Amino acid sequence: VHNRPVQGSKGSYRVNLRHGVSRIRSGLRHTVGIIFHDAK
């Protein structure tokens, strides 16, 4: 995935940050689900 800044670097950084956070959240949720599943 190539993210090339358009005009303001702040705007693109904001978009990349939001995308990264959502990806990390979904990853964490997946990991936690596996851990709880194994705990049972």
PDB file of N, CA and C in Angstrom:
ATOM      1  N   VAL A   1       0.858  -1.198   0.000  1.00  0.00           N
ATOM      2  CA  VAL A   1       0.000   0.000   0.000  1.00  0.00           C
ATOM      3  C   VAL A   1       0.880   1.229   0.000  1.00  0.00           C
ATOM      4  N   HIS A   2       0.740   2.058  -1.030  1.00  0.00           N
ATOM      5  CA  HIS A   2       1.550   3.271  -1.120  1.00  0.00           C
ATOM      6  C   HIS A   2       0.700   4.477  -0.780  1.00  0.00           C
ATOM      7  N   ASN A   3       1.088   5.170   0.282  1.00  0.00           N
ATOM      8  CA  ASN A   3       0.357   6.381   0.661  1.00  0.00           C
ATOM      9  C   ASN A   3       1.215   7.582   0.316  1.00  0.00           C
ATOM     10  N   ARG A   4       0.810   8.332  -0.703  1.00  0.00           N
ATOM     11  CA  ARG A   4       1.599   9.505  -1.064  1.00  0.00           C
ATOM     12  C   ARG A   4       0.876  10.750  -0.585  1.00  0.00           C
ATOM     13  N   PRO A   5       1.556  11.589   0.200  1.00  0.00           N
ATOM     14  CA  PRO A   5       0.943  12.791   0.779  1.00  0.00           C
ATOM     15  C   PRO A   5       0.418  13.728  -0.291  1.00  0.00           C
ATOM     16  N   VAL A   6      -0.810  14.190  -0.138  1.00  0.00           N
ATOM     17  CA  VAL A   6      -1.405  15.127  -1.082  1.00  0.00           C
ATOM     18  C   VAL A   6      -1.426  16.502  -0.434  1.00  0.00           C
ATOM     19  N   GLN A   7      -0.672  17.433  -0.994  1.00  0.00           N
ATOM     20  CA  GLN A   7      -0.582  18.805  -0.475  1.00  0.00           C
ATOM     21  C   GLN A   7      -0.070  18.780   0.964  1.00  0.00           C
ATOM     22  N   GLY A   8      -0.948  18.803   1.961  1.00  0.00           N
ATOM     23  CA  GLY A   8      -0.515  18.893   3.360  1.00  0.00           C
ATOM     24  C   GLY A   8      -0.116  17.535   3.913  1.00  0.00           C
ATOM     25  N   SER A   9       1.062  17.448   4.505  1.00  0.00           N
ATOM     26  CA  SER A   9       1.508  16.182   5.089  1.00  0.00           C
ATOM     27  C   SER A   9       0.692  15.870   6.342  1.00  0.00           C
ATOM     28  N   LYS A  10       0.179  16.897   7.007  1.00  0.00           N
ATOM     29  CA  LYS A  10      -0.628  16.674   8.215  1.00  0.00           C
ATOM     30  C   LYS A  10      -1.886  15.888   7.885  1.00  0.00           C
ATOM     31  N   GLY A  11      -2.557  16.265   6.805  1.00  0.00           N
ATOM     32  CA  GLY A  11      -3.793  15.585   6.421  1.00  0.00           C
ATOM     33  C   GLY A  11      -3.547  14.112   6.130  1.00  0.00           C
ATOM     34  N   SER A  12      -2.509  13.808   5.339  1.00  0.00           N
ATOM     35  CA  SER A  12      -2.229  12.418   4.987  1.00  0.00           C
ATOM     36  C   SER A  12      -1.816  11.644   6.235  1.00  0.00           C
ATOM     37  N   TYR A  13      -1.039  12.293   7.122  1.00  0.00           N
ATOM     38  CA  TYR A  13      -0.603  11.627   8.348  1.00  0.00           C
ATOM     39  C   TYR A  13      -1.816  11.240   9.193  1.00  0.00           C
ATOM     40  N   ARG A  14      -2.787  12.146   9.234  1.00  0.00           N
ATOM     41  CA  ARG A  14      -3.993  11.900  10.014  1.00  0.00           C
ATOM     42  C   ARG A  14      -4.729  10.672   9.467  1.00  0.00           C
ATOM     43  N   VAL A  15      -4.850  10.591   8.154  1.00  0.00           N
ATOM     44  CA  VAL A  15      -5.545   9.462   7.532  1.00  0.00           C
ATOM     45  C   VAL A  15      -4.796   8.163   7.810  1.00  0.00           C
ATOM     46  N   ASN A  16      -3.474   8.181   7.651  1.00  0.00           N
ATOM     47  CA  ASN A  16      -2.682   6.974   7.890  1.00  0.00           C
ATOM     48  C   ASN A  16      -2.804   6.539   9.346  1.00  0.00           C
ATOM     49  N   LEU A  17      -2.803   7.514  10.254  1.00  0.00           N
ATOM     50  CA  LEU A  17      -2.886   7.204  11.675  1.00  0.00           C
ATOM     51  C   LEU A  17      -4.214   6.516  11.984  1.00  0.00           C
ATOM     52  N   ARG A  18      -5.307   7.077  11.454  1.00  0.00           N
ATOM     53  CA  ARG A  18      -6.626   6.498  11.721  1.00  0.00           C
ATOM     54  C   ARG A  18      -6.695   5.076  11.164  1.00  0.00           C
ATOM     55  N   HIS A  19      -6.150   4.874   9.971  1.00  0.00           N
ATOM     56  CA  HIS A  19      -6.182   3.559   9.341  1.00  0.00           C
ATOM     57  C   HIS A  19      -5.360   2.570  10.170  1.00  0.00           C
ATOM     58  N   GLY A  20      -4.196   3.014  10.637  1.00  0.00           N
ATOM     59  CA  GLY A  20      -3.330   2.147  11.433  1.00  0.00           C
ATOM     60  C   GLY A  20      -3.996   1.755  12.744  1.00  0.00           C
ATOM     61  N   VAL A  21      -4.654   2.722  13.391  1.00  0.00           N
ATOM     62  CA  VAL A  21      -5.299   2.444  14.676  1.00  0.00           C
ATOM     63  C   VAL A  21      -6.399   1.411  14.505  1.00  0.00           C
ATOM     64  N   SER A  22      -7.216   1.560  13.466  1.00  0.00           N
ATOM     65  CA  SER A  22      -8.314   0.615  13.250  1.00  0.00           C
ATOM     66  C   SER A  22      -7.749  -0.775  12.986  1.00  0.00           C
ATOM     67  N   ARG A  23      -6.631  -0.839  12.245  1.00  0.00           N
ATOM     68  CA  ARG A  23      -6.031  -2.142  11.940  1.00  0.00           C
ATOM     69  C   ARG A  23      -5.500  -2.774  13.220  1.00  0.00           C
ATOM     70  N   ILE A  24      -4.869  -1.964  14.085  1.00  0.00           N
ATOM     71  CA  ILE A  24      -4.322  -2.479  15.342  1.00  0.00           C
ATOM     72  C   ILE A  24      -5.459  -2.956  16.247  1.00  0.00           C
ATOM     73  N   ARG A  25      -6.553  -2.180  16.293  1.00  0.00           N
ATOM     74  CA  ARG A  25      -7.692  -2.552  17.139  1.00  0.00           C
ATOM     75  C   ARG A  25      -8.263  -3.892  16.707  1.00  0.00           C
ATOM     76  N   SER A  26      -8.449  -4.081  15.401  1.00  0.00           N
ATOM     77  CA  SER A  26      -9.019  -5.337  14.915  1.00  0.00           C
ATOM     78  C   SER A  26      -8.059  -6.479  15.229  1.00  0.00           C
ATOM     79  N   GLY A  27      -6.759  -6.233  15.124  1.00  0.00           N
ATOM     80  CA  GLY A  27      -5.765  -7.254  15.429  1.00  0.00           C
ATOM     81  C   GLY A  27      -5.809  -7.621  16.901  1.00  0.00           C
ATOM     82  N   LEU A  28      -5.923  -6.603  17.761  1.00  0.00           N
ATOM     83  CA  LEU A  28      -5.990  -6.862  19.198  1.00  0.00           C
ATOM     84  C   LEU A  28      -7.230  -7.676  19.527  1.00  0.00           C
ATOM     85  N   ARG A  29      -8.354  -7.306  18.935  1.00  0.00           N
ATOM     86  CA  ARG A  29      -9.612  -8.004  19.199  1.00  0.00           C
ATOM     87  C   ARG A  29      -9.471  -9.472  18.802  1.00  0.00           C
ATOM     88  N   HIS A  30      -8.829  -9.715  17.665  1.00  0.00           N
ATOM     89  CA  HIS A  30      -8.647 -11.079  17.179  1.00  0.00           C
ATOM     90  C   HIS A  30      -7.775 -11.866  18.159  1.00  0.00           C
ATOM     91  N   THR A  31      -6.673 -11.244  18.609  1.00  0.00           N
ATOM     92  CA  THR A  31      -5.755 -11.908  19.535  1.00  0.00           C
ATOM     93  C   THR A  31      -6.443 -12.215  20.857  1.00  0.00           C
ATOM     94  N   VAL A  32      -7.171 -11.238  21.391  1.00  0.00           N
ATOM     95  CA  VAL A  32      -7.873 -11.433  22.664  1.00  0.00           C
ATOM     96  C   VAL A  32      -8.891 -12.558  22.535  1.00  0.00           C
ATOM     97  N   GLY A  33      -9.587 -12.603  21.406  1.00  0.00           N
ATOM     98  CA  GLY A  33     -10.573 -13.658  21.190  1.00  0.00           C
ATOM     99  C   GLY A  33      -9.912 -15.026  21.227  1.00  0.00           C
ATOM    100  N   ILE A  34      -8.755 -15.152  20.597  1.00  0.00           N
ATOM    101  CA  ILE A  34      -8.044 -16.433  20.580  1.00  0.00           C
ATOM    102  C   ILE A  34      -7.610 -16.803  21.995  1.00  0.00           C
ATOM    103  N   ILE A  35      -7.098 -15.820  22.753  1.00  0.00           N
ATOM    104  CA  ILE A  35      -6.626 -16.084  24.116  1.00  0.00           C
ATOM    105  C   ILE A  35      -7.783 -16.575  24.987  1.00  0.00           C
ATOM    106  N   PHE A  36      -8.924 -15.876  24.918  1.00  0.00           N
ATOM    107  CA  PHE A  36     -10.075 -16.275  25.731  1.00  0.00           C
ATOM    108  C   PHE A  36     -10.584 -17.648  25.300  1.00  0.00           C
ATOM    109  N   HIS A  37     -10.537 -17.914  24.007  1.00  0.00           N
ATOM    110  CA  HIS A  37     -11.013 -19.201  23.496  1.00  0.00           C
ATOM    111  C   HIS A  37     -10.143 -20.324  24.044  1.00  0.00           C
ATOM    112  N   ASP A  38      -8.812 -20.081  24.098  1.00  0.00           N
ATOM    113  CA  ASP A  38      -7.900 -21.098  24.615  1.00  0.00           C
ATOM    114  C   ASP A  38      -8.057 -21.243  26.127  1.00  0.00           C
ATOM    115  N   ALA A  39      -8.370 -20.134  26.802  1.00  0.00           N
ATOM    116  CA  ALA A  39      -8.502 -20.165  28.260  1.00  0.00           C
ATOM    117  C   ALA A  39      -9.653 -21.077  28.675  1.00  0.00           C
ATOM    118  N   LYS A  40     -10.718 -21.097  27.876  1.00  0.00           N
ATOM    119  CA  LYS A  40     -11.858 -21.953  28.196  1.00  0.00           C
ATOM    120  C   LYS A  40     -11.465 -23.404  27.948  1.00  0.00           C
TER     121      LYS A  40
END
